Amino acid sequence: MKVLITDFRHPDPSVERAVLDEVGAEVVVGQCKTSADVIEAAAGCTGLIATYARIDDAVLAARPEIRIVCRYGAGVDSVDLAAAARRGVWVANSPDYGIGEVATHALALALAQVRRVAWLDRDVHAGRFHFSSAGPIRRATSLTLGILGLGRIGKRMALVSREIFGRVIACDPYLIDGDFPHYVERVDLETLFARADLVSLHVPLTDETRGLVGQRLLERMRPGSMLVNTARGAVVDVPALLAALDAGRLQSAALDVLPEEPPPAGAPVLAHPRVLLTPHAAFYSEASVIENRTKAARNIVDWVRTGRPTYVVVEGAPRPAP
């Protein structure tokens, strides 16, 4: 079989090639930006492994030989899942890679705001050397951490944070009560934003969550509150967030993800003095990258050998016998 890696950020596909060689798969690579690019590069390909390239119905219609699409990482918002289901195409992801990396990055961004680390650093470099130069700092144990989305990463965030913050509350309407850790208080969405001093986002990007954190929820937050987003950039309405910061509703925000990445030069979010930014790096460690690449390719190997990928998002048609 032939597998196309539609786009990638690592230096070469050697990890994927080594895994796919187990089933004798030919690997071709591209840096596809559009559906048309994918259609052109995917000629004769049974499987796709994708990073950011959009895999839509046009791709699947033009290349009916595609039987499985694997996404690097957990998110599958770049794949038209409904179109894949209609056409019997398997969709798989890697939902359990880099959990510790994302959770600890989210905690780092949370504590950087609580302790005003970035702002104190800027002050020192600007010649202002005083412990209170960045303003009052509250004791972390007096604060309530709110977690939106209590999946694998959200639960890890709760675990690593419970001894730091005074209280941990969470909202996840898709989780049964028995799956809430005993040290996490379950609340609804409105209550989460009204009671938390710091909200950390850990939800996938779906039609339900796109733009979810906008003016309505931000206005419910306490004055001086903080926000962390290591989920997906489009979950947050960035103009509404900047307005809440300017109005004094929020003390600060830390964003690892943005609706457009990288942000265009001159984007207001780049210049805001109370926004801490990192470049979609929460997932990253040397080990997590290898894990992600291996699991993406392993999905295809398992599909070839057993008829099912390791991590099924969309069930496809049975694989024809060789």
Protein backbone atom coordinates (compact mmCIF):
# COMPACT_ATOMS: atom_id res chain seq x y z
CA MET A 1 0.00 0.00 0.00
CA LYS A 2 0.95 3.65 -0.37
CA VAL A 3 0.69 6.21 2.45
CA LEU A 4 0.86 9.99 2.07
CA ILE A 5 2.07 12.17 4.93
CA THR A 6 0.20 15.27 3.83
CA ASP A 7 2.21 17.78 5.90
CA PHE A 8 4.62 17.67 8.82
CA ARG A 9 6.78 19.88 11.01
CA HIS A 10 9.59 17.49 11.88
CA PRO A 11 12.80 17.26 9.82
CA ASP A 12 12.04 13.96 8.06
CA PRO A 13 9.55 11.06 8.18
CA SER A 14 12.07 8.46 9.32
CA VAL A 15 10.05 7.43 12.39
CA GLU A 16 6.90 6.89 10.34
CA ARG A 17 8.80 5.04 7.63
CA ALA A 18 10.28 2.63 10.17
CA VAL A 19 6.84 1.77 11.58
CA LEU A 20 5.09 1.51 8.20
CA ASP A 21 7.89 -0.65 6.85
CA GLU A 22 6.46 -3.43 9.04
CA VAL A 23 3.67 -3.86 6.48
CA GLY A 24 5.74 -2.92 3.47
CA ALA A 25 4.00 0.40 2.93
CA GLU A 26 5.46 2.95 0.52
CA VAL A 27 5.62 6.41 2.14
CA VAL A 28 5.37 9.65 0.19
CA VAL A 29 5.50 13.09 1.76
CA GLY A 30 4.21 16.54 0.95
CA GLN A 31 3.61 19.90 2.52
CA CYS A 32 0.00 20.26 1.42
CA LYS A 33 -1.72 23.55 2.24
CA THR A 34 -5.04 23.07 0.43
CA SER A 35 -7.46 20.31 -0.48
CA ALA A 36 -6.24 20.59 -4.05
CA ASP A 37 -2.69 19.95 -2.85
CA VAL A 38 -3.83 16.83 -1.02
CA ILE A 39 -5.76 15.56 -4.03
CA GLU A 40 -2.71 15.95 -6.23
CA ALA A 41 -0.29 14.34 -3.77
CA ALA A 42 -2.59 11.46 -2.76
CA ALA A 43 -2.81 9.70 -6.11
CA GLY A 44 -2.79 5.97 -5.49
CA CYS A 45 -2.67 6.35 -1.70
CA THR A 46 -4.69 4.10 0.58
CA GLY A 47 -3.79 5.96 3.75
CA LEU A 48 -3.14 9.54 4.83
CA ILE A 49 -1.33 10.90 7.87
CA ALA A 50 -2.11 14.59 8.36
CA THR A 51 -1.07 17.48 10.57
CA TYR A 52 -2.89 20.65 9.48
CA ALA A 53 -3.96 19.76 5.91
CA ARG A 54 -7.73 19.81 5.55
CA ILE A 55 -9.15 16.41 4.60
CA ASP A 56 -12.60 17.26 3.33
CA ASP A 57 -15.26 15.62 1.18
CA ALA A 58 -13.61 16.95 -1.99
CA VAL A 59 -10.43 15.02 -1.14
CA LEU A 60 -12.29 11.80 -0.35
CA ALA A 61 -14.45 12.11 -3.47
CA ALA A 62 -11.49 12.77 -5.76
CA ARG A 63 -9.42 9.95 -4.23
CA PRO A 64 -11.80 7.05 -3.47
CA GLU A 65 -8.76 4.83 -2.98
CA ILE A 66 -8.21 6.52 0.41
CA ARG A 67 -9.52 4.12 3.07
CA ILE A 68 -7.95 5.48 6.25
CA VAL A 69 -7.02 8.96 7.51
CA CYS A 70 -4.83 9.32 10.59
CA ARG A 71 -4.36 12.61 12.37
CA TYR A 72 -1.19 13.48 14.28
CA GLY A 73 -2.37 14.25 17.80
CA ALA A 74 -5.79 14.14 19.42
CA GLY A 75 -7.72 16.80 17.50
CA VAL A 76 -9.61 15.81 14.36
CA ASP A 77 -11.24 19.13 13.50
CA SER A 78 -9.27 19.28 10.22
CA VAL A 79 -11.02 16.12 8.97
CA ASP A 80 -14.60 16.09 7.69
CA LEU A 81 -15.79 13.25 9.90
CA ALA A 82 -19.29 13.13 8.41
CA ALA A 83 -17.89 12.80 4.89
CA ALA A 84 -15.53 10.06 6.03
CA ALA A 85 -18.39 8.14 7.64
CA ARG A 86 -20.54 8.45 4.50
CA ARG A 87 -17.71 7.11 2.34
CA GLY A 88 -16.68 4.32 4.69
CA VAL A 89 -13.27 5.86 5.42
CA TRP A 90 -11.64 5.10 8.77
CA VAL A 91 -10.46 8.07 10.81
CA ALA A 92 -7.97 7.63 13.64
CA ASN A 93 -5.96 9.86 15.98
CA SER A 94 -3.50 9.67 18.88
CA PRO A 95 -5.57 10.80 21.86
CA ASP A 96 -3.25 9.69 24.64
CA TYR A 97 0.12 11.10 23.58
CA GLY A 98 1.70 14.09 25.33
CA ILE A 99 -0.86 14.22 28.13
CA GLY A 100 1.72 15.09 30.75
CA GLU A 101 3.36 17.71 28.53
CA VAL A 102 0.12 19.61 27.88
CA ALA A 103 -1.02 19.47 31.50
CA THR A 104 2.31 20.68 32.88
CA HIS A 105 2.47 23.43 30.24
CA ALA A 106 -1.02 24.55 31.23
CA LEU A 107 0.05 24.57 34.88
CA ALA A 108 3.18 26.54 33.96
CA LEU A 109 1.05 29.15 32.18
CA ALA A 110 -1.32 29.27 35.15
CA LEU A 111 1.45 29.78 37.69
CA ALA A 112 3.25 32.28 35.46
CA GLN A 113 0.13 34.42 35.75
CA VAL A 114 -0.51 33.81 39.43
CA ARG A 115 3.08 34.65 40.31
CA ARG A 116 3.35 37.36 37.58
CA VAL A 117 6.59 35.76 36.35
CA ALA A 118 6.70 37.18 32.84
CA TRP A 119 5.79 40.64 34.03
CA LEU A 120 8.38 40.65 36.80
CA ASP A 121 10.98 39.48 34.28
CA ARG A 122 10.10 42.37 31.96
CA ASP A 123 10.35 44.83 34.85
CA VAL A 124 13.79 43.61 35.88
CA HIS A 125 15.06 43.94 32.32
CA ALA A 126 13.55 47.43 32.18
CA GLY A 127 15.40 48.49 35.33
CA ARG A 128 12.48 48.15 37.78
CA PHE A 129 13.78 45.86 40.52
CA HIS A 130 11.06 45.47 43.16
CA PHE A 131 9.00 42.49 44.28
CA SER A 132 5.70 44.37 43.85
CA SER A 133 6.42 46.02 40.50
CA ALA A 134 3.92 43.78 38.67
CA GLY A 135 1.14 44.50 41.14
CA PRO A 136 -0.44 42.56 44.00
CA ILE A 137 0.03 38.80 44.01
CA ARG A 138 -2.53 36.52 45.63
CA ARG A 139 -1.65 33.32 47.43
CA ALA A 140 -2.33 30.33 45.15
CA THR A 141 -3.99 28.34 47.92
CA SER A 142 -6.63 31.08 48.20
CA LEU A 143 -7.61 30.66 44.53
CA THR A 144 -10.10 28.42 42.76
CA LEU A 145 -8.95 26.69 39.58
CA GLY A 146 -11.68 25.95 37.06
CA ILE A 147 -11.14 23.31 34.38
CA LEU A 148 -13.33 23.23 31.29
CA GLY A 149 -13.14 19.70 29.87
CA LEU A 150 -12.16 16.83 32.13
CA GLY A 151 -10.75 14.38 29.61
CA ARG A 152 -7.29 12.86 29.80
CA ILE A 153 -5.47 16.21 29.89
CA GLY A 154 -8.04 17.97 32.06
CA LYS A 155 -7.83 15.20 34.64
CA ARG A 156 -4.04 15.37 34.65
CA MET A 157 -4.26 19.15 35.08
CA ALA A 158 -6.55 18.62 38.07
CA LEU A 159 -4.17 16.05 39.55
CA VAL A 160 -1.03 18.17 39.30
CA SER A 161 -2.87 21.31 40.49
CA ARG A 162 -4.83 20.04 43.48
CA GLU A 163 -2.05 20.67 46.00
CA ILE A 164 -1.33 24.14 44.61
CA PHE A 165 -4.76 25.77 44.39
CA GLY A 166 -7.25 25.99 47.19
CA ARG A 167 -10.07 24.38 45.23
CA VAL A 168 -10.46 22.65 41.86
CA ILE A 169 -13.82 22.79 40.08
CA ALA A 170 -14.63 21.46 36.62
CA CYS A 171 -17.31 21.37 33.95
CA ASP A 172 -17.67 18.45 31.54
CA PRO A 173 -21.25 17.60 30.53
CA TYR A 174 -20.13 14.41 28.76
CA LEU A 175 -18.57 12.81 31.83
CA ILE A 176 -20.56 10.77 34.34
CA ASP A 177 -20.30 11.67 38.01
CA GLY A 178 -18.31 8.54 38.76
CA ASP A 179 -15.52 9.68 36.44
CA PHE A 180 -15.00 12.93 38.34
CA PRO A 181 -12.02 12.60 40.74
CA HIS A 182 -13.05 12.97 44.37
CA TYR A 183 -10.98 16.14 44.72
CA VAL A 184 -12.78 17.92 41.83
CA GLU A 185 -16.12 19.62 42.38
CA ARG A 186 -18.54 19.32 39.46
CA VAL A 187 -20.22 22.55 38.34
CA ASP A 188 -22.05 23.75 35.25
CA LEU A 189 -20.55 26.04 32.62
CA GLU A 190 -21.93 29.30 33.99
CA THR A 191 -20.88 28.48 37.53
CA LEU A 192 -17.37 27.52 36.41
CA PHE A 193 -16.71 30.97 34.94
CA ALA A 194 -18.44 32.77 37.82
CA ARG A 195 -16.55 31.01 40.61
CA ALA A 196 -13.08 30.29 39.22
CA ASP A 197 -10.20 32.71 39.73
CA LEU A 198 -8.37 30.98 36.89
CA VAL A 199 -9.97 28.94 34.08
CA SER A 200 -7.95 26.39 32.10
CA LEU A 201 -9.44 25.14 28.81
CA HIS A 202 -9.13 21.47 27.82
CA VAL A 203 -11.87 20.87 25.24
CA PRO A 204 -11.69 19.76 21.60
CA LEU A 205 -12.69 22.12 18.81
CA THR A 206 -16.21 21.24 17.67
CA ASP A 207 -19.24 23.17 16.45
CA GLU A 208 -20.29 23.35 20.11
CA THR A 209 -17.00 24.74 21.43
CA ARG A 210 -16.00 27.08 18.58
CA GLY A 211 -16.05 30.60 20.03
CA LEU A 212 -17.51 29.24 23.28
CA VAL A 213 -15.34 31.44 25.50
CA GLY A 214 -16.65 34.78 24.36
CA GLN A 215 -18.25 37.89 25.79
CA ARG A 216 -21.05 36.11 27.66
CA LEU A 217 -18.80 33.80 29.67
CA LEU A 218 -15.96 36.30 30.08
CA GLU A 219 -18.37 38.81 31.62
CA ARG A 220 -19.25 36.23 34.26
CA MET A 221 -15.66 36.01 35.48
CA ARG A 222 -14.57 37.72 38.66
CA PRO A 223 -12.54 40.92 38.34
CA GLY A 224 -8.88 39.96 38.36
CA SER A 225 -9.48 36.49 36.93
CA MET A 226 -7.07 34.66 34.63
CA LEU A 227 -7.42 32.36 31.63
CA VAL A 228 -5.25 29.59 30.14
CA ASN A 229 -5.84 28.03 26.74
CA THR A 230 -3.80 25.00 25.64
CA ALA A 231 -6.72 23.42 23.76
CA ARG A 232 -7.60 24.95 20.39
CA GLY A 233 -7.30 28.62 19.46
CA ALA A 234 -10.80 28.96 18.02
CA VAL A 235 -12.40 27.96 21.33
CA VAL A 236 -11.69 31.52 22.50
CA ASP A 237 -13.15 34.65 20.91
CA VAL A 238 -9.88 36.59 21.00
CA PRO A 239 -11.36 40.09 20.38
CA ALA A 240 -13.80 39.48 23.24
CA LEU A 241 -10.90 38.33 25.43
CA LEU A 242 -8.88 41.46 24.69
CA ALA A 243 -11.95 43.58 25.44
CA ALA A 244 -12.36 41.82 28.80
CA LEU A 245 -8.71 42.50 29.60
CA ASP A 246 -9.05 46.17 28.66
CA ALA A 247 -12.20 46.48 30.75
CA GLY A 248 -10.38 45.12 33.80
CA ARG A 249 -12.53 42.02 34.00
CA LEU A 250 -9.50 39.77 33.51
CA GLN A 251 -6.09 40.33 35.05
CA SER A 252 -4.30 38.38 32.31
CA ALA A 253 -4.49 35.51 29.84
CA ALA A 254 -1.99 32.91 28.66
CA LEU A 255 -2.54 31.39 25.22
CA ASP A 256 -0.58 28.54 23.69
CA VAL A 257 -3.01 28.32 20.76
CA LEU A 258 -4.58 30.96 18.52
CA PRO A 259 -7.29 30.92 15.83
CA GLU A 260 -4.63 31.71 13.22
CA GLU A 261 -1.14 30.25 13.65
CA PRO A 262 1.25 31.90 13.45
CA PRO A 263 -0.64 35.14 14.10
CA PRO A 264 -0.25 37.78 11.40
CA ALA A 265 2.11 40.66 12.04
CA GLY A 266 0.28 43.46 13.78
CA ALA A 267 -2.39 41.22 15.33
CA PRO A 268 -3.69 43.00 18.46
CA VAL A 269 -3.10 39.92 20.61
CA LEU A 270 0.66 40.22 19.98
CA ALA A 271 0.84 43.70 21.43
CA HIS A 272 -1.40 43.32 24.46
CA PRO A 273 0.70 43.77 27.61
CA ARG A 274 -1.33 41.32 29.68
CA VAL A 275 -1.33 38.39 27.28
CA LEU A 276 1.33 35.71 27.69
CA LEU A 277 1.91 33.71 24.49
CA THR A 278 3.66 30.47 23.63
CA PRO A 279 3.86 29.05 20.05
CA HIS A 280 1.55 26.01 20.21
CA ALA A 281 4.24 24.29 22.24
CA ALA A 282 2.25 22.63 25.04
CA PHE A 283 2.43 19.21 23.39
CA TYR A 284 6.17 19.36 22.87
CA SER A 285 8.95 17.31 24.33
CA GLU A 286 11.41 15.19 22.41
CA ALA A 287 9.72 12.06 23.73
CA SER A 288 6.15 13.21 22.98
CA VAL A 289 6.99 13.99 19.36
CA ILE A 290 8.35 10.48 18.82
CA GLU A 291 5.30 9.03 20.59
CA ASN A 292 2.90 11.02 18.41
CA ARG A 293 4.60 10.09 15.15
CA THR A 294 4.82 6.44 16.11
CA LYS A 295 1.17 6.21 17.11
CA ALA A 296 -0.02 7.94 13.92
CA ALA A 297 1.80 5.38 11.80
CA ARG A 298 0.86 2.50 14.12
CA ASN A 299 -2.81 3.22 13.42
CA ILE A 300 -2.25 2.27 9.80
CA VAL A 301 -0.16 -0.80 10.63
CA ASP A 302 -2.85 -2.09 12.97
CA TRP A 303 -5.54 -1.40 10.36
CA VAL A 304 -3.60 -3.45 7.80
CA ARG A 305 -3.07 -6.31 10.24
CA THR A 306 -6.39 -6.40 12.09
CA GLY A 307 -8.85 -4.37 10.06
CA ARG A 308 -9.02 -1.64 12.73
CA PRO A 309 -6.68 1.24 13.64
CA THR A 310 -5.49 1.53 17.22
CA TYR A 311 -7.55 4.63 18.05
CA VAL A 312 -10.85 4.74 16.15
CA VAL A 313 -12.62 8.07 15.66
CA VAL A 314 -14.79 7.04 12.67
CA GLU A 315 -15.54 3.42 11.82
CA GLY A 316 -14.91 2.72 8.16
CA ALA A 317 -15.83 -0.06 5.81
CA PRO A 318 -14.17 -3.46 6.30
CA ARG A 319 -10.79 -3.67 4.63
CA PRO A 320 -10.87 -5.84 1.50
CA ALA A 321 -8.92 -9.08 1.82
CA PRO A 322 -5.43 -8.82 0.27
